[in-house]
PDB file of N, CA and C in Angstrom:
ATOM      1  N   UNK A   1     172.224  85.881  62.788  1.00  0.00           N
ATOM      2  CA  UNK A   1     171.098  86.775  62.723  1.00  0.00           C
ATOM      3  C   UNK A   1     170.318  86.442  61.463  1.00  0.00           C
ATOM      4  N   UNK A   2     169.003  86.309  61.619  1.00  0.00           N
ATOM      5  CA  UNK A   2     168.147  85.967  60.505  1.00  0.00           C
ATOM      6  C   UNK A   2     167.798  87.162  59.657  1.00  0.00           C
ATOM      7  N   UNK A   3     167.175  86.891  58.537  1.00  0.00           N
ATOM      8  CA  UNK A   3     166.790  87.935  57.596  1.00  0.00           C
ATOM      9  C   UNK A   3     165.847  88.958  58.234  1.00  0.00           C
ATOM     10  N   UNK A   4     164.821  88.480  58.961  1.00  0.00           N
ATOM     11  CA  UNK A   4     163.868  89.401  59.572  1.00  0.00           C
ATOM     12  C   UNK A   4     164.523  90.228  60.680  1.00  0.00           C
ATOM     13  N   UNK A   5     165.453  89.620  61.411  1.00  0.00           N
ATOM     14  CA  UNK A   5     166.156  90.372  62.449  1.00  0.00           C
ATOM     15  C   UNK A   5     166.955  91.515  61.824  1.00  0.00           C
ATOM     16  N   UNK A   6     167.599  91.248  60.701  1.00  0.00           N
ATOM     17  CA  UNK A   6     168.367  92.299  60.013  1.00  0.00           C
ATOM     18  C   UNK A   6     167.424  93.366  59.469  1.00  0.00           C
ATOM     19  N   UNK A   7     166.291  92.924  58.904  1.00  0.00           N
ATOM     20  CA  UNK A   7     165.340  93.845  58.318  1.00  0.00           C
ATOM     21  C   UNK A   7     164.720  94.759  59.381  1.00  0.00           C
ATOM     22  N   UNK A   8     164.398  94.203  60.533  1.00  0.00           N
ATOM     23  CA  UNK A   8     163.756  94.972  61.584  1.00  0.00           C
ATOM     24  C   UNK A   8     164.743  95.633  62.536  1.00  0.00           C
ATOM     25  N   UNK A   9     166.011  95.417  62.306  1.00  0.00           N
ATOM     26  CA  UNK A   9     167.028  96.081  63.112  1.00  0.00           C
ATOM     27  C   UNK A   9     167.216  95.487  64.495  1.00  0.00           C
ATOM     28  N   UNK A  10     166.838  94.232  64.667  1.00  0.00           N
ATOM     29  CA  UNK A  10     167.019  93.588  65.971  1.00  0.00           C
ATOM     30  C   UNK A  10     168.452  93.080  66.079  1.00  0.00           C
ATOM     31  N   UNK A  11     169.104  93.496  67.125  1.00  0.00           N
ATOM     32  CA  UNK A  11     170.488  93.059  67.326  1.00  0.00           C
ATOM     33  C   UNK A  11     170.590  92.346  68.671  1.00  0.00           C
ATOM     34  N   UNK A  12     171.171  91.201  68.686  1.00  0.00           N
ATOM     35  CA  UNK A  12     171.433  90.489  69.929  1.00  0.00           C
ATOM     36  C   UNK A  12     170.199  90.007  70.654  1.00  0.00           C
ATOM     37  N   UNK A  13     169.146  89.677  69.929  1.00  0.00           N
ATOM     38  CA  UNK A  13     167.917  89.222  70.574  1.00  0.00           C
ATOM     39  C   UNK A  13     168.169  87.904  71.294  1.00  0.00           C
ATOM     40  N   UNK A  14     168.893  87.004  70.684  1.00  0.00           N
ATOM     41  CA  UNK A  14     169.167  85.706  71.294  1.00  0.00           C
ATOM     42  C   UNK A  14     170.061  85.863  72.512  1.00  0.00           C
ATOM     43  N   UNK A  15     171.005  86.760  72.457  1.00  0.00           N
ATOM     44  CA  UNK A  15     171.911  86.971  73.579  1.00  0.00           C
ATOM     45  C   UNK A  15     171.180  87.566  74.773  1.00  0.00           C
ATOM     46  N   UNK A  16     170.286  88.498  74.538  1.00  0.00           N
ATOM     47  CA  UNK A  16     169.558  89.145  75.623  1.00  0.00           C
ATOM     48  C   UNK A  16     168.642  88.160  76.329  1.00  0.00           C
ATOM     49  N   UNK A  17     168.013  87.274  75.574  1.00  0.00           N
ATOM     50  CA  UNK A  17     167.100  86.323  76.201  1.00  0.00           C
ATOM     51  C   UNK A  17     167.860  85.289  77.021  1.00  0.00           C
ATOM     52  N   UNK A  18     169.088  84.985  76.673  1.00  0.00           N
ATOM     53  CA  UNK A  18     169.877  84.027  77.443  1.00  0.00           C
ATOM     54  C   UNK A  18     170.290  84.617  78.783  1.00  0.00           C
ATOM     55  N   UNK A  19     170.497  85.943  78.848  1.00  0.00           N
ATOM     56  CA  UNK A  19     170.899  86.593  80.088  1.00  0.00           C
ATOM     57  C   UNK A  19     169.726  86.882  81.010  1.00  0.00           C
ATOM     58  N   UNK A  20     168.516  86.882  80.479  1.00  0.00           N
ATOM     59  CA  UNK A  20     167.341  87.211  81.275  1.00  0.00           C
ATOM     60  C   UNK A  20     167.072  86.106  82.295  1.00  0.00           C
ATOM     61  N   UNK A  21     166.622  86.477  83.497  1.00  0.00           N
ATOM     62  CA  UNK A  21     166.315  85.444  84.493  1.00  0.00           C
ATOM     63  C   UNK A  21     165.099  84.624  84.084  1.00  0.00           C
ATOM     64  N   UNK A  22     165.034  83.410  84.568  1.00  0.00           N
ATOM     65  CA  UNK A  22     163.905  82.541  84.249  1.00  0.00           C
ATOM     66  C   UNK A  22     162.625  83.134  84.838  1.00  0.00           C
ATOM     67  N   UNK A  23     161.543  82.965  84.121  1.00  0.00           N
ATOM     68  CA  UNK A  23     160.261  83.500  84.584  1.00  0.00           C
ATOM     69  C   UNK A  23     159.833  82.772  85.861  1.00  0.00           C
ATOM     70  N   UNK A  24     159.356  83.539  86.804  1.00  0.00           N
ATOM     71  CA  UNK A  24     158.908  82.978  88.069  1.00  0.00           C
ATOM     72  C   UNK A  24     157.424  82.675  87.955  1.00  0.00           C
ATOM     73  N   UNK A  25     157.044  81.442  88.258  1.00  0.00           N
ATOM     74  CA  UNK A  25     155.639  81.087  88.219  1.00  0.00           C
ATOM     75  C   UNK A  25     155.070  81.182  89.626  1.00  0.00           C
ATOM     76  N   UNK A  26     153.996  81.937  89.793  1.00  0.00           N
ATOM     77  CA  UNK A  26     153.412  82.091  91.130  1.00  0.00           C
ATOM     78  C   UNK A  26     152.734  80.797  91.568  1.00  0.00           C
ATOM     79  N   UNK A  27     152.621  80.628  92.872  1.00  0.00           N
ATOM     80  CA  UNK A  27     151.932  79.466  93.406  1.00  0.00           C
ATOM     81  C   UNK A  27     150.447  79.575  93.101  1.00  0.00           C
ATOM     82  N   UNK A  28     149.854  78.448  92.758  1.00  0.00           N
ATOM     83  CA  UNK A  28     148.428  78.421  92.441  1.00  0.00           C
ATOM     84  C   UNK A  28     147.624  78.455  93.740  1.00  0.00           C
ATOM     85  N   UNK A  29     146.598  79.309  93.830  1.00  0.00           N
ATOM     86  CA  UNK A  29     145.781  79.355  95.050  1.00  0.00           C
ATOM     87  C   UNK A  29     144.759  78.216  95.113  1.00  0.00           C
ATOM     88  N   UNK A  30     144.631  77.413  94.046  1.00  0.00           N
ATOM     89  CA  UNK A  30     143.685  76.293  93.964  1.00  0.00           C
ATOM     90  C   UNK A  30     142.269  76.743  94.310  1.00  0.00           C
ATOM     91  N   UNK A  31     141.840  77.831  93.696  1.00  0.00           N
ATOM     92  CA  UNK A  31     140.515  78.376  93.961  1.00  0.00           C
ATOM     93  C   UNK A  31     139.434  77.687  93.122  1.00  0.00           C
ATOM     94  N   UNK A  32     139.813  77.098  92.002  1.00  0.00           N
ATOM     95  CA  UNK A  32     138.837  76.439  91.120  1.00  0.00           C
ATOM     96  C   UNK A  32     139.015  74.930  91.206  1.00  0.00           C
ATOM     97  N   UNK A  33     138.602  74.349  92.336  1.00  0.00           N
ATOM     98  CA  UNK A  33     138.753  72.920  92.571  1.00  0.00           C
ATOM     99  C   UNK A  33     137.420  72.250  92.273  1.00  0.00           C
ATOM    100  N   UNK A  34     137.429  71.241  91.392  1.00  0.00           N
ATOM    101  CA  UNK A  34     136.204  70.550  91.007  1.00  0.00           C
ATOM    102  C   UNK A  34     136.274  69.080  91.417  1.00  0.00           C
ATOM    103  N   UNK A  35     135.153  68.497  91.808  1.00  0.00           N
ATOM    104  CA  UNK A  35     135.149  67.098  92.242  1.00  0.00           C
ATOM    105  C   UNK A  35     135.196  66.124  91.071  1.00  0.00           C
ATOM    106  N   UNK A  36     135.701  64.927  91.348  1.00  0.00           N
ATOM    107  CA  UNK A  36     135.736  63.826  90.380  1.00  0.00           C
ATOM    108  C   UNK A  36     135.172  62.584  91.063  1.00  0.00           C
ATOM    109  N   UNK A  37     134.389  61.812  90.308  1.00  0.00           N
ATOM    110  CA  UNK A  37     133.812  60.586  90.832  1.00  0.00           C
ATOM    111  C   UNK A  37     134.341  59.410  90.036  1.00  0.00           C
ATOM    112  N   UNK A  38     134.298  58.218  90.654  1.00  0.00           N
ATOM    113  CA  UNK A  38     134.767  57.008  89.979  1.00  0.00           C
ATOM    114  C   UNK A  38     133.790  56.502  88.924  1.00  0.00           C
ATOM    115  N   UNK A  39     132.516  56.740  89.130  1.00  0.00           N
ATOM    116  CA  UNK A  39     131.534  56.290  88.142  1.00  0.00           C
ATOM    117  C   UNK A  39     130.471  57.374  87.938  1.00  0.00           C
ATOM    118  N   UNK A  40     129.815  57.283  86.815  1.00  0.00           N
ATOM    119  CA  UNK A  40     128.783  58.258  86.481  1.00  0.00           C
ATOM    120  C   UNK A  40     127.583  58.193  87.412  1.00  0.00           C
ATOM    121  N   UNK A  41     127.316  57.010  87.951  1.00  0.00           N
ATOM    122  CA  UNK A  41     126.179  56.846  88.863  1.00  0.00           C
ATOM    123  C   UNK A  41     126.409  57.588  90.176  1.00  0.00           C
ATOM    124  N   UNK A  42     127.672  57.810  90.532  1.00  0.00           N
ATOM    125  CA  UNK A  42     128.005  58.479  91.795  1.00  0.00           C
ATOM    126  C   UNK A  42     127.979  60.003  91.690  1.00  0.00           C
ATOM    127  N   UNK A  43     127.883  60.536  90.475  1.00  0.00           N
ATOM    128  CA  UNK A  43     127.970  61.985  90.286  1.00  0.00           C
ATOM    129  C   UNK A  43     126.902  62.719  91.078  1.00  0.00           C
ATOM    130  N   UNK A  44     127.326  63.800  91.746  1.00  0.00           N
ATOM    131  CA  UNK A  44     126.423  64.616  92.530  1.00  0.00           C
ATOM    132  C   UNK A  44     126.343  64.220  93.988  1.00  0.00           C
ATOM    133  N   UNK A  45     126.898  63.063  94.335  1.00  0.00           N
ATOM    134  CA  UNK A  45     126.881  62.592  95.723  1.00  0.00           C
ATOM    135  C   UNK A  45     128.199  62.988  96.378  1.00  0.00           C
ATOM    136  N   UNK A  46     128.136  63.979  97.251  1.00  0.00           N
ATOM    137  CA  UNK A  46     129.364  64.524  97.835  1.00  0.00           C
ATOM    138  C   UNK A  46     130.120  63.514  98.689  1.00  0.00           C
ATOM    139  N   UNK A  47     129.425  62.544  99.256  1.00  0.00           N
ATOM    140  CA  UNK A  47     130.119  61.558 100.074  1.00  0.00           C
ATOM    141  C   UNK A  47     130.849  60.507  99.237  1.00  0.00           C
ATOM    142  N   UNK A  48     130.608  60.459  97.914  1.00  0.00           N
ATOM    143  CA  UNK A  48     131.263  59.491  97.032  1.00  0.00           C
ATOM    144  C   UNK A  48     132.307  60.119  96.112  1.00  0.00           C
ATOM    145  N   UNK A  49     132.706  61.367  96.389  1.00  0.00           N
ATOM    146  CA  UNK A  49     133.742  62.032  95.586  1.00  0.00           C
ATOM    147  C   UNK A  49     135.051  61.268  95.771  1.00  0.00           C
ATOM    148  N   UNK A  50     135.725  60.938  94.666  1.00  0.00           N
ATOM    149  CA  UNK A  50     136.980  60.185  94.767  1.00  0.00           C
ATOM    150  C   UNK A  50     138.193  61.107  94.835  1.00  0.00           C
ATOM    151  N   UNK A  51     138.125  62.259  94.188  1.00  0.00           N
ATOM    152  CA  UNK A  51     139.258  63.198  94.189  1.00  0.00           C
ATOM    153  C   UNK A  51     138.768  64.564  93.736  1.00  0.00           C
ATOM    154  N   UNK A  52     139.607  65.569  93.930  1.00  0.00           N
ATOM    155  CA  UNK A  52     139.353  66.928  93.443  1.00  0.00           C
ATOM    156  C   UNK A  52     140.509  67.323  92.533  1.00  0.00           C
ATOM    157  N   UNK A  53     140.213  68.089  91.486  1.00  0.00           N
ATOM    158  CA  UNK A  53     141.222  68.547  90.535  1.00  0.00           C
ATOM    159  C   UNK A  53     141.155  70.058  90.436  1.00  0.00           C
ATOM    160  N   UNK A  54     142.305  70.715  90.533  1.00  0.00           N
ATOM    161  CA  UNK A  54     142.379  72.160  90.353  1.00  0.00           C
ATOM    162  C   UNK A  54     142.318  72.452  88.862  1.00  0.00           C
ATOM    163  N   UNK A  55     141.352  73.236  88.453  1.00  0.00           N
ATOM    164  CA  UNK A  55     141.188  73.564  87.033  1.00  0.00           C
ATOM    165  C   UNK A  55     142.291  74.480  86.525  1.00  0.00           C
ATOM    166  N   UNK A  56     142.927  75.236  87.407  1.00  0.00           N
ATOM    167  CA  UNK A  56     143.960  76.178  86.974  1.00  0.00           C
ATOM    168  C   UNK A  56     145.288  75.483  86.695  1.00  0.00           C
ATOM    169  N   UNK A  57     145.725  74.594  87.607  1.00  0.00           N
ATOM    170  CA  UNK A  57     147.051  73.990  87.454  1.00  0.00           C
ATOM    171  C   UNK A  57     147.018  72.489  87.219  1.00  0.00           C
ATOM    172  N   UNK A  58     145.860  71.842  87.394  1.00  0.00           N
ATOM    173  CA  UNK A  58     145.741  70.414  87.143  1.00  0.00           C
ATOM    174  C   UNK A  58     146.153  69.527  88.302  1.00  0.00           C
ATOM    175  N   UNK A  59     146.452  70.098  89.448  1.00  0.00           N
ATOM    176  CA  UNK A  59     146.858  69.306  90.611  1.00  0.00           C
ATOM    177  C   UNK A  59     145.673  68.496  91.123  1.00  0.00           C
ATOM    178  N   UNK A  60     145.958  67.268  91.586  1.00  0.00           N
ATOM    179  CA  UNK A  60     144.917  66.391  92.125  1.00  0.00           C
ATOM    180  C   UNK A  60     145.022  66.343  93.635  1.00  0.00           C
ATOM    181  N   UNK A  61     143.858  66.298  94.299  1.00  0.00           N
ATOM    182  CA  UNK A  61     143.799  66.282  95.756  1.00  0.00           C
ATOM    183  C   UNK A  61     142.846  65.195  96.215  1.00  0.00           C
ATOM    184  N   UNK A  62     143.090  64.685  97.414  1.00  0.00           N
ATOM    185  CA  UNK A  62     142.172  63.709  98.000  1.00  0.00           C
ATOM    186  C   UNK A  62     140.865  64.407  98.346  1.00  0.00           C
ATOM    187  N   UNK A  63     139.861  63.617  98.728  1.00  0.00           N
ATOM    188  CA  UNK A  63     138.564  64.198  99.051  1.00  0.00           C
ATOM    189  C   UNK A  63     138.668  65.178 100.210  1.00  0.00           C
ATOM    190  N   UNK A  64     139.416  64.813 101.245  1.00  0.00           N
ATOM    191  CA  UNK A  64     139.557  65.677 102.415  1.00  0.00           C
ATOM    192  C   UNK A  64     140.280  66.974 102.070  1.00  0.00           C
ATOM    193  N   UNK A  65     141.376  66.853 101.305  1.00  0.00           N
ATOM    194  CA  UNK A  65     142.126  68.054 100.901  1.00  0.00           C
ATOM    195  C   UNK A  65     141.274  68.959 100.024  1.00  0.00           C
ATOM    196  N   UNK A  66     140.533  68.379  99.095  1.00  0.00           N
ATOM    197  CA  UNK A  66     139.686  69.156  98.196  1.00  0.00           C
ATOM    198  C   UNK A  66     138.596  69.910  98.921  1.00  0.00           C
ATOM    199  N   UNK A  67     137.986  69.256  99.909  1.00  0.00           N
ATOM    200  CA  UNK A  67     136.949  69.925 100.685  1.00  0.00           C
ATOM    201  C   UNK A  67     137.531  71.095 101.468  1.00  0.00           C
ATOM    202  N   UNK A  68     138.719  70.908 102.020  1.00  0.00           N
ATOM    203  CA  UNK A  68     139.383  71.983 102.760  1.00  0.00           C
ATOM    204  C   UNK A  68     139.721  73.149 101.833  1.00  0.00           C
ATOM    205  N   UNK A  69     140.266  72.833 100.650  1.00  0.00           N
ATOM    206  CA  UNK A  69     140.613  73.886  99.691  1.00  0.00           C
ATOM    207  C   UNK A  69     139.370  74.631  99.220  1.00  0.00           C
ATOM    208  N   UNK A  70     138.294  73.918  98.970  1.00  0.00           N
ATOM    209  CA  UNK A  70     137.056  74.556  98.532  1.00  0.00           C
ATOM    210  C   UNK A  70     136.493  75.490  99.592  1.00  0.00           C
ATOM    211  N   UNK A  71     136.554  75.065 100.843  1.00  0.00           N
ATOM    212  CA  UNK A  71     136.039  75.906 101.929  1.00  0.00           C
ATOM    213  C   UNK A  71     136.902  77.154 102.116  1.00  0.00           C
ATOM    214  N   UNK A  72     138.231  76.995 102.039  1.00  0.00           N
ATOM    215  CA  UNK A  72     139.110  78.164 102.213  1.00  0.00           C
ATOM    216  C   UNK A  72     138.970  79.136 101.043  1.00  0.00           C
ATOM    217  N   UNK A  73     138.764  78.610  99.829  1.00  0.00           N
ATOM    218  CA  UNK A  73     138.568  79.490  98.671  1.00  0.00           C
ATOM    219  C   UNK A  73     137.271  80.270  98.811  1.00  0.00           C
ATOM    220  N   UNK A  74     136.230  79.619  99.315  1.00  0.00           N
ATOM    221  CA  UNK A  74     134.957  80.313  99.516  1.00  0.00           C
ATOM    222  C   UNK A  74     135.103  81.414 100.556  1.00  0.00           C
ATOM    223  N   UNK A  75     135.864  81.154 101.617  1.00  0.00           N
ATOM    224  CA  UNK A  75     136.100  82.175 102.645  1.00  0.00           C
ATOM    225  C   UNK A  75     136.854  83.371 102.064  1.00  0.00           C
ATOM    226  N   UNK A  76     137.869  83.096 101.231  1.00  0.00           N
ATOM    227  CA  UNK A  76     138.641  84.188 100.617  1.00  0.00           C
ATOM    228  C   UNK A  76     137.746  85.043  99.728  1.00  0.00           C
ATOM    229  N   UNK A  77     136.839  84.413  98.988  1.00  0.00           N
ATOM    230  CA  UNK A  77     135.937  85.169  98.122  1.00  0.00           C
ATOM    231  C   UNK A  77     134.969  86.017  98.933  1.00  0.00           C
ATOM    232  N   UNK A  78     134.487  85.481 100.043  1.00  0.00           N
ATOM    233  CA  UNK A  78     133.579  86.262 100.890  1.00  0.00           C
ATOM    234  C   UNK A  78     134.272  87.485 101.446  1.00  0.00           C
ATOM    235  N   UNK A  79     135.510  87.315 101.886  1.00  0.00           N
ATOM    236  CA  UNK A  79     136.270  88.434 102.443  1.00  0.00           C
ATOM    237  C   UNK A  79     136.501  89.491 101.371  1.00  0.00           C
ATOM    238  N   UNK A  80     136.874  89.063 100.171  1.00  0.00           N
ATOM    239  CA  UNK A  80     137.108  90.021  99.085  1.00  0.00           C
ATOM    240  C   UNK A  80     135.821  90.753  98.716  1.00  0.00           C
ATOM    241  N   UNK A  81     134.703  90.049  98.712  1.00  0.00           N
ATOM    242  CA  UNK A  81     133.430  90.691  98.388  1.00  0.00           C
ATOM    243  C   UNK A  81     133.073  91.723  99.448  1.00  0.00           C
ATOM    244  N   UNK A  82     133.296  91.388 100.719  1.00  0.00           N
ATOM    245  CA  UNK A  82     133.029  92.351 101.798  1.00  0.00           C
ATOM    246  C   UNK A  82     133.904  93.592 101.651  1.00  0.00           C
ATOM    247  N   UNK A  83     135.186  93.398 101.322  1.00  0.00           N
ATOM    248  CA  UNK A  83     136.101  94.524 101.128  1.00  0.00           C
ATOM    249  C   UNK A  83     135.663  95.377  99.949  1.00  0.00           C
ATOM    250  N   UNK A  84     135.185  94.722  98.888  1.00  0.00           N
ATOM    251  CA  UNK A  84     134.737  95.454  97.702  1.00  0.00           C
ATOM    252  C   UNK A  84     133.520  96.316  98.047  1.00  0.00           C
ATOM    253  N   UNK A  85     132.584  95.741  98.786  1.00  0.00           N
ATOM    254  CA  UNK A  85     131.389  96.487  99.145  1.00  0.00           C
ATOM    255  C   UNK A  85     131.710  97.655 100.077  1.00  0.00           C
ATOM    256  N   UNK A  86     132.657  97.462 100.988  1.00  0.00           N
ATOM    257  CA  UNK A  86     133.070  98.563 101.857  1.00  0.00           C
ATOM    258  C   UNK A  86     133.710  99.686 101.057  1.00  0.00           C
ATOM    259  N   UNK A  87     134.490  99.331 100.041  1.00  0.00           N
ATOM    260  CA  UNK A  87     135.125 100.327  99.186  1.00  0.00           C
ATOM    261  C   UNK A  87     134.114 101.109  98.369  1.00  0.00           C
ATOM    262  N   UNK A  88     132.990 100.494  98.025  1.00  0.00           N
ATOM    263  CA  UNK A  88     131.958 101.174  97.248  1.00  0.00           C
ATOM    264  C   UNK A  88     131.188 102.160  98.123  1.00  0.00           C
ATOM    265  N   UNK A  89     131.110 101.911  99.419  1.00  0.00           N
ATOM    266  CA  UNK A  89     130.361 102.772 100.318  1.00  0.00           C
ATOM    267  C   UNK A  89     131.128 104.036 100.681  1.00  0.00           C
ATOM    268  N   UNK A  90     132.403 104.037 100.469  1.00  0.00           N
ATOM    269  CA  UNK A  90     133.225 105.204 100.801  1.00  0.00           C
ATOM    270  C   UNK A  90     133.036 106.322  99.839  1.00  0.00           C
TER     271      UNK A  90
END
């Protein structure tokens, strides 16, 4: 036990953390997927996207996977916005 642990009255802090279960990390919904191009001249051309990267977790996706993820994320946001607006009307 360290000096600060004794001073603050902490007992068994190390023992308690060893018994605690490992933190569960939730699956990333990949809602913030951004395109990547091979060269600067190709930027902005959707047909020349080389890959997509999730800004939240850093996962890389092919062009087809990225387009699918982007479309599904947009659909989820539309549904949530509709639900929010319905809740405001009540």
